[in-house]
Amino acid sequence: MDKLTIKDQARMQMEQIERGAVEILPRDDMLKKLEKSLRDQKPLRIKLGLDPTAPDIHLGHTVVLNKLRQFQDLGHEVHLIIGDFTGRIGDPSGKSETRKQLSEEEIIENARTYQEQIFKVLDKDKTMMHFNSEWLMTMNMIDVLKLAGKYTVARMMERDDFEKRYKEGLPIGVHEFMYPLMQGFDSVALQADVELGGTDQKFNLLVGRHLLKEYGFEPQVALMMPILEGTDGVQKMSKSLGNYIGVNDEPYEMFGKTMSITDSLICRYFELLTRVPAAEIETMKNQMAAGELNPRDAKIRLAVEIITTFHNAELAVQAMNRFKLVYSDRDIPADIPEIKVSEKDVWLPKFLSEHNIVDTTSEGRRMIKQGAVKVNGEKYVLEDVHLETNMVIQVGKRRFVRII
């Protein structure tokens, strides 16, 4: 077999990099950078900035992390920037009002928990961590004014969120104009070759590209990944909307939530959240369209892939077996009532009574004592229970309810 040329190798890398990406600006520059990297045997510097505005992350946040992992697997340098300084301002992207500024204590704690979670995706040994206070805290007023002078107010007002707020008479803090400039300066400090972000970060990423040129460096490429839809298949994944799968969710809960996604999301989740080859995903897509593959079976594989990533293979198999045990029980009807709960730890007799599964709390206690209550097909004799997604509770022979 003939040895692959540098152009061939670059195109092969590009094929992987484009997987799931919404936009790469400019695409030709990305290809040129890959060729130069291979020719010089020098890895590209790939940047992702994260503001630690919340302690927990969900699978929606991991879309860009998975892309970073692909770059790592291709041999490039990944530089992860924790925005401990920019986090004090808060990214105004998509916001209709000025964001609350976090305290230093909140930022430090959130940054710590972020690191615990992101290394479930990234290779810790191949990830270079930075805090942007390292360079932003050392800037004096002259440095700040020079930075501000490299961008115009007119260009800043082209941002959809700023333009909308201005037209509606809503306040815009001057400090908010500094956010994209400081995030862009992160790219200057690292001399980044590529910066990743969601589609909502396009403006910020292009500011970084502009500033690199202004400071005399080669402009970075901006790579935008999609915003992941939640399990409802409609709105973006969000903890507040309850349509999320958390990175720290327990394996069985993670399995149940994955099984609840709409069929239209199966291949999209495979593409953005797993390392299953694109050719296999395309085969599954065609098989489901032809009726040769049950979407339920595809979801089971998806759930196993996700749990293996965020826990391990053994727990993934355990969750799968538990799920199959519950749902293969022929005594459980297919159309049982479903209950969405906000509180997980409940007193079972009261829960059964409140949802009209039994008439009274006393009857609920009696049924438990008599061994007439089952949880996921097994006799349940305790009065306290921790509810989980897709848990099936049975009272007697004919009363069922599923937790969603």
Protein backbone atom coordinates (compact mmCIF):
# COMPACT_ATOMS: atom_id res chain seq x y z
CA MET A 1 0.00 0.00 0.00
CA ASP A 2 1.34 3.43 -0.95
CA LYS A 3 2.36 5.70 1.90
CA LEU A 4 -0.23 8.39 2.62
CA THR A 5 0.80 11.90 1.65
CA ILE A 6 0.55 14.78 4.13
CA LYS A 7 -2.48 16.06 2.22
CA ASP A 8 -4.14 12.64 2.53
CA GLN A 9 -3.42 12.50 6.28
CA ALA A 10 -4.74 16.03 6.74
CA ARG A 11 -7.95 15.18 4.88
CA MET A 12 -8.43 12.10 7.07
CA GLN A 13 -8.04 14.22 10.20
CA MET A 14 -10.39 16.81 8.75
CA GLU A 15 -13.04 14.16 8.20
CA GLN A 16 -12.98 13.33 11.91
CA ILE A 17 -12.87 16.97 12.98
CA GLU A 18 -15.90 17.84 10.84
CA ARG A 19 -17.99 15.10 12.46
CA GLY A 20 -20.91 16.82 14.17
CA ALA A 21 -19.49 20.32 13.66
CA VAL A 22 -21.93 23.03 12.59
CA GLU A 23 -19.36 25.43 11.16
CA ILE A 24 -15.58 25.75 10.79
CA LEU A 25 -14.38 29.26 9.96
CA PRO A 26 -12.46 29.37 7.71
CA ARG A 27 -12.53 25.71 6.68
CA ASP A 28 -9.61 26.13 4.27
CA ASP A 29 -7.48 27.52 7.11
CA MET A 30 -8.26 24.45 9.21
CA LEU A 31 -7.01 22.18 6.45
CA LYS A 32 -3.87 24.29 5.96
CA LYS A 33 -3.13 24.21 9.68
CA LEU A 34 -3.45 20.42 9.73
CA GLU A 35 -1.08 20.08 6.78
CA LYS A 36 1.45 22.41 8.41
CA SER A 37 1.16 20.51 11.68
CA LEU A 38 1.90 17.21 9.94
CA ARG A 39 4.70 18.68 7.84
CA ASP A 40 6.43 20.33 10.84
CA GLN A 41 5.52 17.44 13.18
CA LYS A 42 4.18 20.01 15.61
CA PRO A 43 0.70 19.58 17.18
CA LEU A 44 -1.91 22.29 16.89
CA ARG A 45 -2.90 24.23 20.01
CA ILE A 46 -6.62 23.66 20.55
CA LYS A 47 -8.42 25.94 22.99
CA LEU A 48 -11.68 25.71 24.90
CA GLY A 49 -12.70 28.26 27.48
CA LEU A 50 -15.13 27.38 30.26
CA ASP A 51 -16.62 29.82 32.72
CA PRO A 52 -17.42 27.92 35.95
CA THR A 53 -20.90 29.43 36.35
CA ALA A 54 -22.49 26.22 37.71
CA PRO A 55 -21.11 23.26 39.67
CA ASP A 56 -22.59 20.45 37.57
CA ILE A 57 -22.49 19.68 33.88
CA HIS A 58 -24.78 17.58 31.70
CA LEU A 59 -24.32 15.81 28.39
CA GLY A 60 -25.06 19.01 26.50
CA HIS A 61 -21.86 20.47 27.90
CA THR A 62 -19.85 17.44 26.80
CA VAL A 63 -20.45 17.93 23.06
CA VAL A 64 -17.44 20.26 22.78
CA LEU A 65 -15.48 18.08 25.22
CA ASN A 66 -15.94 15.09 22.91
CA LYS A 67 -14.61 17.16 20.02
CA LEU A 68 -11.60 18.11 22.15
CA ARG A 69 -11.01 14.43 22.88
CA GLN A 70 -10.97 13.77 19.13
CA PHE A 71 -8.22 16.38 18.76
CA GLN A 72 -6.30 14.67 21.57
CA ASP A 73 -6.62 11.30 19.87
CA LEU A 74 -5.26 12.90 16.68
CA GLY A 75 -2.18 14.02 18.60
CA HIS A 76 -2.91 17.72 19.08
CA GLU A 77 -2.46 19.82 22.24
CA VAL A 78 -5.63 20.60 24.18
CA HIS A 79 -5.62 23.72 26.30
CA LEU A 80 -8.56 24.04 28.64
CA ILE A 81 -9.06 27.49 30.13
CA ILE A 82 -11.07 27.85 33.30
CA GLY A 83 -12.40 31.40 33.22
CA ASP A 84 -11.90 32.22 36.87
CA PHE A 85 -11.41 35.87 35.88
CA THR A 86 -13.96 36.18 33.06
CA GLY A 87 -16.42 34.23 35.21
CA ARG A 88 -16.63 37.24 37.48
CA ILE A 89 -18.27 39.13 34.62
CA GLY A 90 -20.29 36.28 33.13
CA ASP A 91 -20.72 35.62 29.43
CA PRO A 92 -23.52 37.86 28.09
CA SER A 93 -24.13 35.54 25.10
CA GLY A 94 -27.86 35.05 24.59
CA LYS A 95 -28.76 36.90 27.77
CA SER A 96 -31.55 39.48 27.92
CA GLU A 97 -30.16 41.04 31.09
CA THR A 98 -26.87 41.60 32.84
CA ARG A 99 -25.65 38.40 34.50
CA LYS A 100 -25.05 38.15 38.21
CA GLN A 101 -21.33 38.31 38.97
CA LEU A 102 -19.99 35.30 40.88
CA SER A 103 -17.94 35.54 44.03
CA GLU A 104 -14.37 34.25 44.09
CA GLU A 105 -15.44 31.42 46.43
CA GLU A 106 -18.20 30.28 44.03
CA ILE A 107 -15.80 30.34 41.09
CA ILE A 108 -13.14 28.30 42.90
CA GLU A 109 -15.63 25.65 44.04
CA ASN A 110 -17.30 25.41 40.63
CA ALA A 111 -13.92 25.15 38.92
CA ARG A 112 -12.97 22.27 41.21
CA THR A 113 -16.10 20.26 40.45
CA TYR A 114 -15.79 21.08 36.74
CA GLN A 115 -12.37 19.47 36.65
CA GLU A 116 -13.67 16.31 38.33
CA GLN A 117 -16.32 15.93 35.64
CA ILE A 118 -14.55 16.97 32.44
CA PHE A 119 -11.83 14.36 32.86
CA LYS A 120 -14.46 11.68 32.40
CA VAL A 121 -14.19 12.69 28.73
CA LEU A 122 -10.74 14.20 28.28
CA ASP A 123 -7.39 12.49 28.79
CA LYS A 124 -6.10 14.22 31.91
CA ASP A 125 -2.47 13.51 31.08
CA LYS A 126 -2.86 15.19 27.69
CA THR A 127 -4.83 18.23 28.87
CA MET A 128 -3.15 21.49 29.78
CA MET A 129 -5.20 23.44 32.30
CA HIS A 130 -5.03 27.21 32.62
CA PHE A 131 -6.84 29.81 34.70
CA ASN A 132 -7.18 33.04 32.74
CA SER A 133 -6.47 35.08 35.85
CA GLU A 134 -2.84 34.09 35.16
CA TRP A 135 -2.63 36.79 32.47
CA LEU A 136 -5.74 38.94 32.93
CA MET A 137 -4.98 39.75 36.57
CA THR A 138 -1.55 41.10 35.61
CA MET A 139 -2.89 43.64 33.09
CA ASN A 140 -2.72 47.29 34.10
CA MET A 141 -5.05 50.06 32.91
CA ILE A 142 -2.85 50.86 29.90
CA ASP A 143 -2.99 47.18 28.82
CA VAL A 144 -6.78 47.18 29.19
CA LEU A 145 -7.18 50.38 27.16
CA LYS A 146 -4.92 48.99 24.42
CA LEU A 147 -7.05 45.84 24.32
CA ALA A 148 -10.28 47.86 24.20
CA GLY A 149 -8.83 49.94 21.36
CA LYS A 150 -8.53 46.92 19.11
CA TYR A 151 -12.30 46.56 18.67
CA THR A 152 -15.04 49.06 17.86
CA VAL A 153 -18.36 49.75 19.56
CA ALA A 154 -20.10 49.35 16.19
CA ARG A 155 -18.71 45.82 15.80
CA MET A 156 -19.62 44.98 19.39
CA MET A 157 -23.21 46.12 18.81
CA GLU A 158 -23.50 43.62 15.96
CA ARG A 159 -23.99 40.94 18.60
CA ASP A 160 -27.63 39.84 18.54
CA ASP A 161 -28.05 40.03 22.31
CA PHE A 162 -26.50 43.49 22.65
CA GLU A 163 -28.43 44.82 19.65
CA LYS A 164 -31.72 43.46 20.98
CA ARG A 165 -31.20 44.81 24.47
CA TYR A 166 -30.22 48.23 23.11
CA LYS A 167 -33.33 48.45 20.92
CA GLU A 168 -35.54 47.42 23.84
CA GLY A 169 -33.96 49.98 26.14
CA LEU A 170 -32.51 47.34 28.44
CA PRO A 171 -29.25 48.15 30.24
CA ILE A 172 -25.89 46.94 28.93
CA GLY A 173 -22.96 47.24 31.32
CA VAL A 174 -19.70 48.52 29.86
CA HIS A 175 -18.01 45.60 31.63
CA GLU A 176 -20.04 43.25 29.40
CA PHE A 177 -18.26 44.66 26.34
CA MET A 178 -15.03 43.53 27.97
CA TYR A 179 -16.08 39.88 28.17
CA PRO A 180 -15.54 38.92 24.49
CA LEU A 181 -12.34 40.98 24.46
CA MET A 182 -10.94 39.16 27.49
CA GLN A 183 -12.00 35.75 26.15
CA GLY A 184 -10.36 36.70 22.86
CA PHE A 185 -7.22 37.75 24.70
CA ASP A 186 -7.06 34.23 26.14
CA SER A 187 -6.39 33.10 22.56
CA VAL A 188 -3.62 35.68 22.26
CA ALA A 189 -2.03 34.52 25.52
CA LEU A 190 -2.01 30.92 24.25
CA GLN A 191 -1.43 31.75 20.57
CA ALA A 192 -4.24 29.29 19.84
CA ASP A 193 -4.55 27.61 16.45
CA VAL A 194 -8.16 26.52 16.93
CA GLU A 195 -10.86 27.52 19.39
CA LEU A 196 -13.97 25.46 20.07
CA GLY A 197 -17.36 26.56 21.29
CA GLY A 198 -21.09 26.14 20.84
CA THR A 199 -22.95 27.99 18.10
CA ASP A 200 -23.86 30.61 20.70
CA GLN A 201 -20.13 31.40 21.05
CA LYS A 202 -19.53 32.29 17.40
CA PHE A 203 -19.12 36.03 18.07
CA ASN A 204 -16.66 35.45 20.92
CA LEU A 205 -14.59 32.98 18.88
CA LEU A 206 -14.34 35.40 15.97
CA VAL A 207 -13.24 38.17 18.33
CA GLY A 208 -10.38 35.88 19.37
CA ARG A 209 -9.50 35.40 15.70
CA HIS A 210 -9.50 39.18 15.18
CA LEU A 211 -7.35 39.88 18.24
CA LEU A 212 -4.70 37.32 17.29
CA LYS A 213 -4.30 39.15 13.98
CA GLU A 214 -4.21 42.53 15.77
CA TYR A 215 -1.41 41.31 18.04
CA GLY A 216 0.62 40.03 15.09
CA PHE A 217 -0.13 36.29 15.31
CA GLU A 218 -1.72 33.86 12.87
CA PRO A 219 -5.51 34.00 13.34
CA GLN A 220 -7.19 31.01 14.96
CA VAL A 221 -9.83 28.85 13.33
CA ALA A 222 -13.27 28.98 14.97
CA LEU A 223 -15.02 25.61 15.28
CA MET A 224 -18.66 25.67 16.37
CA MET A 225 -20.46 22.63 17.75
CA PRO A 226 -24.27 22.36 17.97
CA ILE A 227 -26.38 23.00 21.04
CA LEU A 228 -27.70 19.57 22.09
CA GLU A 229 -31.44 19.04 22.40
CA GLY A 230 -32.67 17.56 25.66
CA THR A 231 -34.46 14.26 26.10
CA ASP A 232 -37.74 15.89 24.96
CA GLY A 233 -36.21 16.45 21.52
CA VAL A 234 -37.44 20.05 21.41
CA GLN A 235 -35.64 22.43 23.72
CA LYS A 236 -31.92 22.56 24.43
CA MET A 237 -30.71 20.31 27.23
CA SER A 238 -31.14 22.19 30.49
CA LYS A 239 -31.27 21.30 34.14
CA SER A 240 -33.97 23.90 34.75
CA LEU A 241 -36.17 22.34 32.04
CA GLY A 242 -35.70 18.84 33.48
CA ASN A 243 -34.75 17.39 30.06
CA TYR A 244 -31.12 16.73 30.89
CA ILE A 245 -28.87 13.73 31.47
CA GLY A 246 -26.31 14.65 34.11
CA VAL A 247 -22.68 13.59 33.94
CA ASN A 248 -22.94 12.58 37.60
CA ASP A 249 -26.31 10.79 37.31
CA GLU A 250 -26.35 7.27 38.71
CA PRO A 251 -25.96 4.57 36.01
CA TYR A 252 -29.53 3.29 36.10
CA GLU A 253 -30.96 6.81 36.11
CA MET A 254 -28.70 7.66 33.18
CA PHE A 255 -29.89 4.51 31.38
CA GLY A 256 -33.55 5.34 31.95
CA LYS A 257 -33.18 8.92 30.76
CA THR A 258 -31.37 7.79 27.62
CA MET A 259 -34.14 5.30 26.87
CA SER A 260 -36.67 8.14 27.16
CA ILE A 261 -35.21 10.26 24.32
CA THR A 262 -37.24 10.67 21.15
CA ASP A 263 -36.31 8.31 18.30
CA SER A 264 -35.29 11.27 16.13
CA LEU A 265 -32.39 12.00 18.50
CA ILE A 266 -30.80 8.54 18.51
CA CYS A 267 -28.28 9.07 15.70
CA ARG A 268 -27.61 12.66 16.75
CA TYR A 269 -26.70 11.50 20.28
CA PHE A 270 -24.50 8.75 18.86
CA GLU A 271 -22.69 11.28 16.66
CA LEU A 272 -22.16 13.95 19.32
CA LEU A 273 -21.76 11.92 22.52
CA THR A 274 -20.01 8.67 21.56
CA ARG A 275 -17.02 7.38 19.63
CA VAL A 276 -19.02 4.93 17.55
CA PRO A 277 -17.69 5.23 13.97
CA ALA A 278 -19.74 7.35 11.57
CA ALA A 279 -20.21 4.39 9.21
CA GLU A 280 -21.84 2.33 11.99
CA ILE A 281 -24.15 5.20 12.89
CA GLU A 282 -25.20 5.54 9.25
CA THR A 283 -25.89 1.79 9.11
CA MET A 284 -28.09 1.99 12.22
CA LYS A 285 -29.94 4.96 10.73
CA ASN A 286 -30.69 3.03 7.52
CA GLN A 287 -31.69 -0.10 9.43
CA MET A 288 -34.13 1.84 11.62
CA ALA A 289 -35.61 3.55 8.56
CA ALA A 290 -36.08 0.14 6.91
CA GLY A 291 -37.63 -1.38 10.02
CA GLU A 292 -34.70 -3.78 10.42
CA LEU A 293 -33.57 -2.32 13.73
CA ASN A 294 -35.86 -1.51 16.64
CA PRO A 295 -35.10 2.01 17.93
CA ARG A 296 -35.34 0.56 21.45
CA ASP A 297 -32.34 -1.67 20.74
CA ALA A 298 -30.38 1.27 19.33
CA LYS A 299 -31.15 3.26 22.49
CA ILE A 300 -29.94 0.39 24.65
CA ARG A 301 -26.60 0.47 22.84
CA LEU A 302 -26.51 4.26 23.15
CA ALA A 303 -27.17 4.07 26.90
CA VAL A 304 -24.39 1.51 27.34
CA GLU A 305 -21.95 3.71 25.40
CA ILE A 306 -22.79 6.78 27.48
CA ILE A 307 -22.64 5.02 30.85
CA THR A 308 -19.34 3.36 29.93
CA THR A 309 -17.89 6.81 29.26
CA PHE A 310 -19.08 8.43 32.47
CA HIS A 311 -18.91 5.41 34.78
CA ASN A 312 -17.52 2.12 33.45
CA ALA A 313 -18.45 -0.85 31.29
CA GLU A 314 -19.41 -3.09 34.23
CA LEU A 315 -21.94 -0.60 35.61
CA ALA A 316 -23.28 -0.04 32.09
CA VAL A 317 -24.00 -3.77 31.71
CA GLN A 318 -25.60 -3.90 35.17
CA ALA A 319 -27.88 -0.98 34.30
CA MET A 320 -28.81 -2.64 31.01
CA ASN A 321 -29.63 -5.97 32.66
CA ARG A 322 -31.71 -4.24 35.32
CA PHE A 323 -33.60 -2.32 32.66
CA LYS A 324 -34.26 -5.43 30.59
CA LEU A 325 -35.43 -7.31 33.67
CA VAL A 326 -38.01 -4.65 34.44
CA TYR A 327 -39.25 -4.18 30.92
CA SER A 328 -39.24 -7.82 29.86
CA ASP A 329 -41.60 -8.72 32.73
CA ARG A 330 -44.74 -9.88 30.93
CA ASP A 331 -46.89 -9.04 33.93
CA ILE A 332 -46.27 -5.32 33.41
CA PRO A 333 -48.68 -3.75 30.89
CA ALA A 334 -47.21 -1.56 28.17
CA ASP A 335 -49.55 1.40 28.80
CA ILE A 336 -49.23 1.92 32.57
CA PRO A 337 -49.73 5.43 34.04
CA GLU A 338 -46.64 7.62 34.37
CA ILE A 339 -45.80 10.08 37.14
CA LYS A 340 -43.23 12.86 36.90
CA VAL A 341 -41.71 13.64 40.29
CA SER A 342 -39.55 16.46 41.60
CA GLU A 343 -38.81 14.93 45.01
CA LYS A 344 -36.80 11.70 44.86
CA ASP A 345 -36.81 10.50 48.48
CA VAL A 346 -40.40 9.86 49.58
CA TRP A 347 -42.47 8.00 52.17
CA LEU A 348 -43.98 5.29 49.99
CA PRO A 349 -47.40 4.91 51.71
CA LYS A 350 -48.09 8.63 51.33
CA PHE A 351 -46.79 8.64 47.74
CA LEU A 352 -49.11 5.76 46.80
CA SER A 353 -52.07 7.51 48.41
CA GLU A 354 -51.37 10.94 46.88
CA HIS A 355 -51.27 9.43 43.40
CA ASN A 356 -54.42 7.32 43.90
CA ILE A 357 -52.60 4.01 43.63
CA VAL A 358 -54.12 3.11 47.02
CA ASP A 359 -57.04 4.79 48.77
CA THR A 360 -55.29 5.74 52.01
CA THR A 361 -51.86 5.92 53.61
CA SER A 362 -52.93 3.14 55.98
CA GLU A 363 -53.76 0.89 53.04
CA GLY A 364 -50.35 1.65 51.56
CA ARG A 365 -48.58 0.61 54.78
CA ARG A 366 -50.67 -2.56 54.99
CA MET A 367 -49.92 -3.54 51.39
CA ILE A 368 -46.18 -3.09 52.01
CA LYS A 369 -46.33 -5.23 55.15
CA GLN A 370 -48.24 -7.93 53.27
CA GLY A 371 -45.56 -8.05 50.56
CA ALA A 372 -48.03 -6.81 47.94
CA VAL A 373 -45.81 -3.97 46.72
CA LYS A 374 -43.08 -4.50 44.13
CA VAL A 375 -40.46 -2.07 42.85
CA ASN A 376 -38.96 -2.99 39.49
CA GLY A 377 -40.45 -6.46 39.77
CA GLU A 378 -39.03 -7.21 43.24
CA LYS A 379 -40.93 -7.32 46.53
CA TYR A 380 -40.42 -4.09 48.49
CA VAL A 381 -40.83 -4.14 52.30
CA LEU A 382 -39.51 -0.68 53.29
CA GLU A 383 -41.67 2.40 53.71
CA ASP A 384 -39.03 4.85 52.45
CA VAL A 385 -38.00 4.73 48.81
CA HIS A 386 -35.66 6.63 46.48
CA LEU A 387 -37.47 7.17 43.20
CA GLU A 388 -35.54 6.82 39.94
CA THR A 389 -36.41 7.46 36.31
CA ASN A 390 -38.23 4.47 34.70
CA MET A 391 -38.79 2.81 38.07
CA VAL A 392 -41.98 0.69 38.02
CA ILE A 393 -44.04 0.40 41.21
CA GLN A 394 -46.67 -2.32 41.43
CA VAL A 395 -49.36 -2.71 44.08
CA GLY A 396 -51.24 -6.00 44.01
CA LYS A 397 -51.71 -7.66 40.63
CA ARG A 398 -53.22 -4.86 38.57
CA ARG A 399 -52.04 -1.48 39.85
CA PHE A 400 -48.89 -0.10 38.20
CA VAL A 401 -47.16 3.25 37.85
CA ARG A 402 -43.92 4.27 36.14
CA ILE A 403 -41.71 7.10 37.38
CA ILE A 404 -40.55 9.50 34.65
